[in-house]
C-alpha cells in the first residue's frame, strides 16, 4: 500500500506542475515531456 501512496503523490505533483500550480516544480521543456 505504501508504494501506491508514493506513486499517487508523484502523479499529483506532476498534475499540479502541469497546471502551473506547483511552485516547487516547473516544466522546462514541454517537447521532452511528450516525447
PDB file of N, CA and C in Angstrom:
ATOM      1  N   UNK A   1       0.821  -1.195   0.000  1.00  0.00           N
ATOM      2  CA  UNK A   1       0.000   0.000   0.000  1.00  0.00           C
ATOM      3  C   UNK A   1       0.864   1.258   0.000  1.00  0.00           C
ATOM      4  N   UNK A   2       1.996   1.204   0.654  1.00  0.00           N
ATOM      5  CA  UNK A   2       2.857   2.387   0.726  1.00  0.00           C
ATOM      6  C   UNK A   2       3.381   2.776  -0.653  1.00  0.00           C
ATOM      7  N   UNK A   3       3.661   1.778  -1.496  1.00  0.00           N
ATOM      8  CA  UNK A   3       4.169   2.095  -2.826  1.00  0.00           C
ATOM      9  C   UNK A   3       3.131   2.853  -3.649  1.00  0.00           C
ATOM     10  N   UNK A   4       1.874   2.486  -3.532  1.00  0.00           N
ATOM     11  CA  UNK A   4       0.839   3.194  -4.293  1.00  0.00           C
ATOM     12  C   UNK A   4       0.677   4.624  -3.784  1.00  0.00           C
ATOM     13  N   UNK A   5       0.891   4.840  -2.504  1.00  0.00           N
ATOM     14  CA  UNK A   5       0.827   6.204  -1.962  1.00  0.00           C
ATOM     15  C   UNK A   5       1.910   7.081  -2.570  1.00  0.00           C
ATOM     16  N   UNK A   6       3.115   6.535  -2.698  1.00  0.00           N
ATOM     17  CA  UNK A   6       4.217   7.297  -3.291  1.00  0.00           C
ATOM     18  C   UNK A   6       3.911   7.621  -4.747  1.00  0.00           C
ATOM     19  N   UNK A   7       3.415   6.634  -5.475  1.00  0.00           N
ATOM     20  CA  UNK A   7       3.072   6.853  -6.877  1.00  0.00           C
ATOM     21  C   UNK A   7       1.990   7.902  -7.037  1.00  0.00           C
ATOM     22  N   UNK A   8       1.010   7.868  -6.166  1.00  0.00           N
ATOM     23  CA  UNK A   8      -0.082   8.838  -6.206  1.00  0.00           C
ATOM     24  C   UNK A   8       0.453  10.246  -5.923  1.00  0.00           C
ATOM     25  N   UNK A   9       1.374  10.368  -4.977  1.00  0.00           N
ATOM     26  CA  UNK A   9       1.967  11.671  -4.659  1.00  0.00           C
ATOM     27  C   UNK A   9       2.745  12.226  -5.849  1.00  0.00           C
ATOM     28  N   UNK A  10       3.498  11.368  -6.526  1.00  0.00           N
ATOM     29  CA  UNK A  10       4.264  11.799  -7.702  1.00  0.00           C
ATOM     30  C   UNK A  10       3.312  12.247  -8.806  1.00  0.00           C
ATOM     31  N   UNK A  11       2.263  11.463  -9.049  1.00  0.00           N
ATOM     32  CA  UNK A  11       1.290  11.812 -10.082  1.00  0.00           C
ATOM     33  C   UNK A  11       0.601  13.138  -9.754  1.00  0.00           C
ATOM     34  N   UNK A  12       0.282  13.349  -8.504  1.00  0.00           N
ATOM     35  CA  UNK A  12      -0.374  14.596  -8.096  1.00  0.00           C
ATOM     36  C   UNK A  12       0.572  15.783  -8.272  1.00  0.00           C
ATOM     37  N   UNK A  13       1.839  15.610  -7.921  1.00  0.00           N
ATOM     38  CA  UNK A  13       2.817  16.684  -8.093  1.00  0.00           C
ATOM     39  C   UNK A  13       2.985  17.022  -9.573  1.00  0.00           C
ATOM     40  N   UNK A  14       3.008  16.002 -10.437  1.00  0.00           N
ATOM     41  CA  UNK A  14       3.128  16.240 -11.872  1.00  0.00           C
ATOM     42  C   UNK A  14       1.903  16.982 -12.402  1.00  0.00           C
ATOM     43  N   UNK A  15       0.725  16.602 -11.947  1.00  0.00           N
ATOM     44  CA  UNK A  15      -0.501  17.282 -12.360  1.00  0.00           C
ATOM     45  C   UNK A  15      -0.462  18.753 -11.961  1.00  0.00           C
ATOM     46  N   UNK A  16      -0.090  19.029 -10.732  1.00  0.00           N
ATOM     47  CA  UNK A  16      -0.016  20.420 -10.268  1.00  0.00           C
ATOM     48  C   UNK A  16       1.017  21.210 -11.060  1.00  0.00           C
ATOM     49  N   UNK A  17       2.150  20.590 -11.367  1.00  0.00           N
ATOM     50  CA  UNK A  17       3.184  21.266 -12.152  1.00  0.00           C
ATOM     51  C   UNK A  17       2.664  21.581 -13.553  1.00  0.00           C
ATOM     52  N   UNK A  18       1.949  20.641 -14.151  1.00  0.00           N
ATOM     53  CA  UNK A  18       1.403  20.852 -15.492  1.00  0.00           C
ATOM     54  C   UNK A  18       0.367  21.970 -15.499  1.00  0.00           C
ATOM     55  N   UNK A  19      -0.338  22.134 -14.408  1.00  0.00           N
ATOM     56  CA  UNK A  19      -1.349  23.182 -14.302  1.00  0.00           C
ATOM     57  C   UNK A  19      -0.748  24.517 -13.863  1.00  0.00           C
ATOM     58  N   UNK A  20       0.556  24.522 -13.569  1.00  0.00           N
ATOM     59  CA  UNK A  20       1.212  25.745 -13.118  1.00  0.00           C
ATOM     60  C   UNK A  20       0.905  26.091 -11.675  1.00  0.00           C
ATOM     61  N   UNK A  21       0.464  25.112 -10.902  1.00  0.00           N
ATOM     62  CA  UNK A  21       0.075  25.347  -9.508  1.00  0.00           C
ATOM     63  C   UNK A  21       1.117  24.857  -8.506  1.00  0.00           C
ATOM     64  N   UNK A  22       2.233  24.327  -8.976  1.00  0.00           N
ATOM     65  CA  UNK A  22       3.262  23.808  -8.072  1.00  0.00           C
ATOM     66  C   UNK A  22       4.491  24.699  -8.186  1.00  0.00           C
ATOM     67  N   UNK A  23       4.706  25.528  -7.196  1.00  0.00           N
ATOM     68  CA  UNK A  23       5.830  26.464  -7.265  1.00  0.00           C
ATOM     69  C   UNK A  23       7.183  25.763  -7.135  1.00  0.00           C
ATOM     70  N   UNK A  24       7.202  24.589  -6.532  1.00  0.00           N
ATOM     71  CA  UNK A  24       8.464  23.877  -6.334  1.00  0.00           C
ATOM     72  C   UNK A  24       8.912  23.132  -7.591  1.00  0.00           C
ATOM     73  N   UNK A  25       7.982  22.907  -8.521  1.00  0.00           N
ATOM     74  CA  UNK A  25       8.287  22.155  -9.738  1.00  0.00           C
ATOM     75  C   UNK A  25       7.881  22.971 -10.948  1.00  0.00           C
ATOM     76  N   UNK A  26       8.689  22.855 -12.005  1.00  0.00           N
ATOM     77  CA  UNK A  26       8.400  23.596 -13.222  1.00  0.00           C
ATOM     78  C   UNK A  26       8.783  22.741 -14.426  1.00  0.00           C
ATOM     79  N   UNK A  27       7.932  22.719 -15.431  1.00  0.00           N
ATOM     80  CA  UNK A  27       8.240  22.005 -16.668  1.00  0.00           C
ATOM     81  C   UNK A  27       9.057  22.946 -17.536  1.00  0.00           C
ATOM     82  N   UNK A  28      10.306  22.571 -17.794  1.00  0.00           N
ATOM     83  CA  UNK A  28      11.202  23.436 -18.550  1.00  0.00           C
ATOM     84  C   UNK A  28      11.068  23.228 -20.050  1.00  0.00           C
ATOM     85  N   UNK A  29      10.862  21.984 -20.476  1.00  0.00           N
ATOM     86  CA  UNK A  29      10.818  21.669 -21.899  1.00  0.00           C
ATOM     87  C   UNK A  29       9.618  20.773 -22.173  1.00  0.00           C
ATOM     88  N   UNK A  30       8.528  21.359 -22.647  1.00  0.00           N
ATOM     89  CA  UNK A  30       7.302  20.598 -22.872  1.00  0.00           C
ATOM     90  C   UNK A  30       7.469  19.552 -23.971  1.00  0.00           C
ATOM     91  N   UNK A  31       8.344  19.798 -24.953  1.00  0.00           N
ATOM     92  CA  UNK A  31       8.568  18.822 -26.020  1.00  0.00           C
ATOM     93  C   UNK A  31       9.158  17.529 -25.464  1.00  0.00           C
ATOM     94  N   UNK A  32      10.086  17.626 -24.540  1.00  0.00           N
ATOM     95  CA  UNK A  32      10.664  16.435 -23.925  1.00  0.00           C
ATOM     96  C   UNK A  32       9.628  15.684 -23.094  1.00  0.00           C
ATOM     97  N   UNK A  33       8.702  16.413 -22.511  1.00  0.00           N
ATOM     98  CA  UNK A  33       7.679  15.803 -21.676  1.00  0.00           C
ATOM     99  C   UNK A  33       6.796  14.864 -22.485  1.00  0.00           C
ATOM    100  N   UNK A  34       6.462  15.236 -23.697  1.00  0.00           N
ATOM    101  CA  UNK A  34       5.562  14.424 -24.514  1.00  0.00           C
ATOM    102  C   UNK A  34       6.296  13.504 -25.478  1.00  0.00           C
ATOM    103  N   UNK A  35       7.603  13.602 -25.550  1.00  0.00           N
ATOM    104  CA  UNK A  35       8.390  12.767 -26.476  1.00  0.00           C
ATOM    105  C   UNK A  35       8.504  11.342 -25.988  1.00  0.00           C
TER     106      UNK A  35
END
